Amino acid sequence: MESGESPDSILSKEAHIFDEAFDFYEKASVTFSELGFILKKIHPRYKPRRYGCKTLKAIYEKLDKYEIIETKQSVVRRTQER
């Protein structure tokens, strides 16, 4: 961790990265595989552990502006505007 920061404070500072990944697809719902793919492109050092999570899904669950839609292939949808 940088300067002893907590994973939650790092997530708070870097939440824009996850917004960028979501916005890249310009659609209402995005799959986790799509998000993971673009996150690796725009933020190559991305690792869920950095944010105190085991999965990308857990990160988006922590971000208040998104909801997880459980279907055959889980998707993320924005619940509120920035």
N, C-alpha and C. Protein backbone atom coordinates (compact mmCIF):
# COMPACT_ATOMS: atom_id res chain seq x y z
N MET A 1 0.83 -1.18 0.00
CA MET A 1 0.00 0.00 0.00
C MET A 1 0.88 1.25 0.00
N GLU A 2 0.38 2.27 -0.58
CA GLU A 2 1.13 3.53 -0.65
C GLU A 2 0.97 4.27 0.67
N SER A 3 2.10 4.63 1.31
CA SER A 3 2.10 5.46 2.51
C SER A 3 1.18 4.92 3.60
N GLY A 4 1.00 3.62 3.68
CA GLY A 4 0.16 3.05 4.71
C GLY A 4 -1.32 3.32 4.55
N GLU A 5 -1.74 3.72 3.36
CA GLU A 5 -3.16 3.99 3.12
C GLU A 5 -3.97 2.71 3.19
N SER A 6 -5.21 2.84 3.62
CA SER A 6 -6.10 1.68 3.66
C SER A 6 -6.62 1.39 2.26
N PRO A 7 -7.01 0.14 2.00
CA PRO A 7 -7.58 -0.20 0.69
C PRO A 7 -8.80 0.65 0.35
N ASP A 8 -9.62 0.97 1.35
CA ASP A 8 -10.81 1.79 1.08
C ASP A 8 -10.45 3.21 0.68
N SER A 9 -9.40 3.78 1.29
CA SER A 9 -9.01 5.14 0.90
C SER A 9 -8.40 5.14 -0.50
N ILE A 10 -7.68 4.08 -0.84
CA ILE A 10 -7.13 3.98 -2.20
C ILE A 10 -8.27 3.85 -3.20
N LEU A 11 -9.28 3.03 -2.88
CA LEU A 11 -10.42 2.88 -3.78
C LEU A 11 -11.14 4.21 -3.95
N SER A 12 -11.29 4.94 -2.88
CA SER A 12 -11.95 6.24 -2.95
C SER A 12 -11.20 7.19 -3.90
N LYS A 13 -9.87 7.20 -3.80
CA LYS A 13 -9.04 8.06 -4.66
C LYS A 13 -9.06 7.60 -6.12
N GLU A 14 -9.13 6.28 -6.33
CA GLU A 14 -9.00 5.74 -7.68
C GLU A 14 -10.32 5.24 -8.27
N ALA A 15 -11.44 5.62 -7.70
CA ALA A 15 -12.75 5.17 -8.19
C ALA A 15 -12.96 5.58 -9.66
N HIS A 16 -12.34 6.68 -10.06
CA HIS A 16 -12.48 7.15 -11.44
C HIS A 16 -12.02 6.10 -12.45
N ILE A 17 -11.07 5.25 -12.07
CA ILE A 17 -10.59 4.21 -12.98
C ILE A 17 -11.73 3.26 -13.34
N PHE A 18 -12.54 2.91 -12.34
CA PHE A 18 -13.65 1.99 -12.57
C PHE A 18 -14.79 2.67 -13.33
N ASP A 19 -14.95 3.98 -13.12
CA ASP A 19 -15.91 4.74 -13.92
C ASP A 19 -15.47 4.79 -15.39
N GLU A 20 -14.17 5.01 -15.62
CA GLU A 20 -13.64 5.05 -16.99
C GLU A 20 -13.88 3.71 -17.69
N ALA A 21 -13.63 2.62 -16.99
CA ALA A 21 -13.83 1.30 -17.59
C ALA A 21 -15.29 1.10 -17.97
N PHE A 22 -16.19 1.49 -17.08
CA PHE A 22 -17.62 1.35 -17.36
C PHE A 22 -18.02 2.24 -18.53
N ASP A 23 -17.59 3.49 -18.51
CA ASP A 23 -17.95 4.46 -19.55
C ASP A 23 -17.39 4.10 -20.92
N PHE A 24 -16.30 3.37 -20.97
CA PHE A 24 -15.67 2.99 -22.22
C PHE A 24 -16.67 2.30 -23.15
N TYR A 25 -17.54 1.48 -22.60
CA TYR A 25 -18.46 0.70 -23.42
C TYR A 25 -19.71 1.45 -23.85
N GLU A 26 -19.98 2.60 -23.26
CA GLU A 26 -21.11 3.44 -23.67
C GLU A 26 -22.42 2.66 -23.77
N LYS A 27 -22.70 1.84 -22.76
CA LYS A 27 -23.97 1.15 -22.71
C LYS A 27 -24.44 1.06 -21.27
N ALA A 28 -25.71 0.70 -21.06
CA ALA A 28 -26.31 0.72 -19.73
C ALA A 28 -25.78 -0.36 -18.80
N SER A 29 -25.46 -1.52 -19.34
CA SER A 29 -24.97 -2.63 -18.52
C SER A 29 -23.71 -3.21 -19.16
N VAL A 30 -22.76 -3.59 -18.33
CA VAL A 30 -21.48 -4.10 -18.80
C VAL A 30 -21.14 -5.37 -18.01
N THR A 31 -20.60 -6.38 -18.69
CA THR A 31 -20.22 -7.61 -17.99
C THR A 31 -18.88 -7.42 -17.28
N PHE A 32 -18.64 -8.27 -16.30
CA PHE A 32 -17.37 -8.19 -15.59
C PHE A 32 -16.19 -8.56 -16.49
N SER A 33 -16.42 -9.45 -17.44
CA SER A 33 -15.32 -9.79 -18.35
C SER A 33 -14.96 -8.59 -19.21
N GLU A 34 -15.94 -7.81 -19.65
CA GLU A 34 -15.66 -6.59 -20.42
C GLU A 34 -14.90 -5.59 -19.54
N LEU A 35 -15.37 -5.41 -18.31
CA LEU A 35 -14.71 -4.46 -17.41
C LEU A 35 -13.28 -4.88 -17.12
N GLY A 36 -13.07 -6.15 -16.85
CA GLY A 36 -11.73 -6.65 -16.57
C GLY A 36 -10.79 -6.44 -17.74
N PHE A 37 -11.29 -6.68 -18.94
CA PHE A 37 -10.48 -6.51 -20.14
C PHE A 37 -10.01 -5.07 -20.28
N ILE A 38 -10.93 -4.14 -20.18
CA ILE A 38 -10.55 -2.74 -20.40
C ILE A 38 -9.75 -2.19 -19.23
N LEU A 39 -10.01 -2.66 -18.02
CA LEU A 39 -9.21 -2.21 -16.88
C LEU A 39 -7.74 -2.56 -17.06
N LYS A 40 -7.47 -3.74 -17.57
CA LYS A 40 -6.07 -4.14 -17.81
C LYS A 40 -5.42 -3.25 -18.87
N LYS A 41 -6.22 -2.74 -19.80
CA LYS A 41 -5.68 -1.85 -20.85
C LYS A 41 -5.43 -0.45 -20.32
N ILE A 42 -6.40 0.11 -19.57
CA ILE A 42 -6.26 1.51 -19.13
C ILE A 42 -5.48 1.65 -17.83
N HIS A 43 -5.39 0.57 -17.07
CA HIS A 43 -4.67 0.61 -15.78
C HIS A 43 -3.96 -0.73 -15.60
N PRO A 44 -2.85 -0.93 -16.29
CA PRO A 44 -2.15 -2.22 -16.30
C PRO A 44 -1.80 -2.78 -14.93
N ARG A 45 -1.63 -1.94 -13.93
CA ARG A 45 -1.28 -2.43 -12.59
C ARG A 45 -2.50 -2.79 -11.76
N TYR A 46 -3.69 -2.77 -12.37
CA TYR A 46 -4.92 -3.08 -11.65
C TYR A 46 -4.87 -4.48 -11.02
N LYS A 47 -5.15 -4.55 -9.74
CA LYS A 47 -5.26 -5.80 -8.99
C LYS A 47 -6.33 -5.59 -7.92
N PRO A 48 -7.33 -6.46 -7.84
CA PRO A 48 -8.39 -6.29 -6.83
C PRO A 48 -7.85 -6.20 -5.40
N ARG A 49 -6.78 -6.90 -5.10
CA ARG A 49 -6.23 -6.89 -3.73
C ARG A 49 -5.82 -5.48 -3.29
N ARG A 50 -5.42 -4.66 -4.24
CA ARG A 50 -5.03 -3.28 -3.93
C ARG A 50 -6.17 -2.53 -3.23
N TYR A 51 -7.41 -2.93 -3.54
CA TYR A 51 -8.59 -2.27 -3.00
C TYR A 51 -9.26 -3.09 -1.89
N GLY A 52 -8.54 -4.09 -1.38
CA GLY A 52 -9.05 -4.92 -0.30
C GLY A 52 -10.11 -5.90 -0.74
N CYS A 53 -10.09 -6.29 -2.02
CA CYS A 53 -11.10 -7.19 -2.57
C CYS A 53 -10.43 -8.39 -3.25
N LYS A 54 -11.20 -9.47 -3.36
CA LYS A 54 -10.69 -10.64 -4.06
C LYS A 54 -11.10 -10.64 -5.53
N THR A 55 -12.19 -9.93 -5.85
CA THR A 55 -12.70 -9.94 -7.22
C THR A 55 -13.09 -8.54 -7.69
N LEU A 56 -13.21 -8.40 -8.98
CA LEU A 56 -13.70 -7.15 -9.57
C LEU A 56 -15.14 -6.89 -9.12
N LYS A 57 -15.92 -7.94 -9.04
CA LYS A 57 -17.31 -7.80 -8.58
C LYS A 57 -17.35 -7.16 -7.19
N ALA A 58 -16.47 -7.58 -6.29
CA ALA A 58 -16.43 -7.03 -4.94
C ALA A 58 -16.10 -5.53 -4.95
N ILE A 59 -15.25 -5.12 -5.88
CA ILE A 59 -14.93 -3.70 -6.00
C ILE A 59 -16.17 -2.91 -6.40
N TYR A 60 -16.86 -3.37 -7.45
CA TYR A 60 -18.06 -2.64 -7.89
C TYR A 60 -19.17 -2.68 -6.84
N GLU A 61 -19.20 -3.71 -6.00
CA GLU A 61 -20.16 -3.74 -4.90
C GLU A 61 -19.86 -2.64 -3.89
N LYS A 62 -18.60 -2.30 -3.71
CA LYS A 62 -18.21 -1.23 -2.78
C LYS A 62 -18.53 0.16 -3.33
N LEU A 63 -18.58 0.31 -4.64
CA LEU A 63 -18.83 1.61 -5.25
C LEU A 63 -20.33 1.86 -5.26
N ASP A 64 -20.77 2.90 -4.56
CA ASP A 64 -22.20 3.17 -4.36
C ASP A 64 -22.99 3.43 -5.63
N LYS A 65 -22.35 3.84 -6.68
CA LYS A 65 -23.10 4.25 -7.87
C LYS A 65 -23.42 3.11 -8.84
N TYR A 66 -23.09 1.88 -8.46
CA TYR A 66 -23.33 0.73 -9.34
C TYR A 66 -24.16 -0.33 -8.63
N GLU A 67 -24.91 -1.09 -9.41
CA GLU A 67 -25.60 -2.25 -8.87
C GLU A 67 -25.22 -3.47 -9.69
N ILE A 68 -25.18 -4.61 -9.04
CA ILE A 68 -24.83 -5.87 -9.70
C ILE A 68 -26.13 -6.57 -10.06
N ILE A 69 -26.27 -6.94 -11.31
CA ILE A 69 -27.44 -7.68 -11.78
C ILE A 69 -27.02 -9.13 -11.94
N GLU A 70 -27.55 -10.00 -11.10
CA GLU A 70 -27.19 -11.41 -11.14
C GLU A 70 -28.03 -12.13 -12.20
N THR A 71 -27.36 -12.55 -13.26
CA THR A 71 -27.98 -13.33 -14.32
C THR A 71 -27.00 -14.45 -14.65
N LYS A 72 -27.22 -15.11 -15.77
CA LYS A 72 -26.27 -16.14 -16.18
C LYS A 72 -24.86 -15.58 -16.23
N GLN A 73 -24.73 -14.37 -16.74
CA GLN A 73 -23.45 -13.67 -16.77
C GLN A 73 -23.67 -12.33 -16.06
N SER A 74 -23.21 -12.21 -14.82
CA SER A 74 -23.45 -11.01 -14.02
C SER A 74 -23.00 -9.75 -14.76
N VAL A 75 -23.80 -8.69 -14.59
CA VAL A 75 -23.47 -7.42 -15.22
C VAL A 75 -23.52 -6.31 -14.16
N VAL A 76 -22.93 -5.19 -14.51
CA VAL A 76 -22.91 -4.02 -13.66
C VAL A 76 -23.72 -2.93 -14.36
N ARG A 77 -24.53 -2.21 -13.56
CA ARG A 77 -25.29 -1.10 -14.10
C ARG A 77 -25.11 0.10 -13.17
N ARG A 78 -24.97 1.28 -13.75
CA ARG A 78 -24.85 2.51 -12.95
C ARG A 78 -26.21 2.84 -12.38
N THR A 79 -26.25 3.15 -11.08
CA THR A 79 -27.51 3.46 -10.43
C THR A 79 -27.74 4.95 -10.27
N GLN A 80 -26.67 5.75 -10.34
CA GLN A 80 -26.81 7.19 -10.19
C GLN A 80 -25.79 7.90 -11.07
N GLU A 81 -26.14 9.08 -11.44
CA GLU A 81 -25.22 9.89 -12.24
C GLU A 81 -24.12 10.42 -11.37
N ARG A 82 -23.01 10.76 -12.00
CA ARG A 82 -21.87 11.29 -11.25
C ARG A 82 -22.15 12.63 -10.74
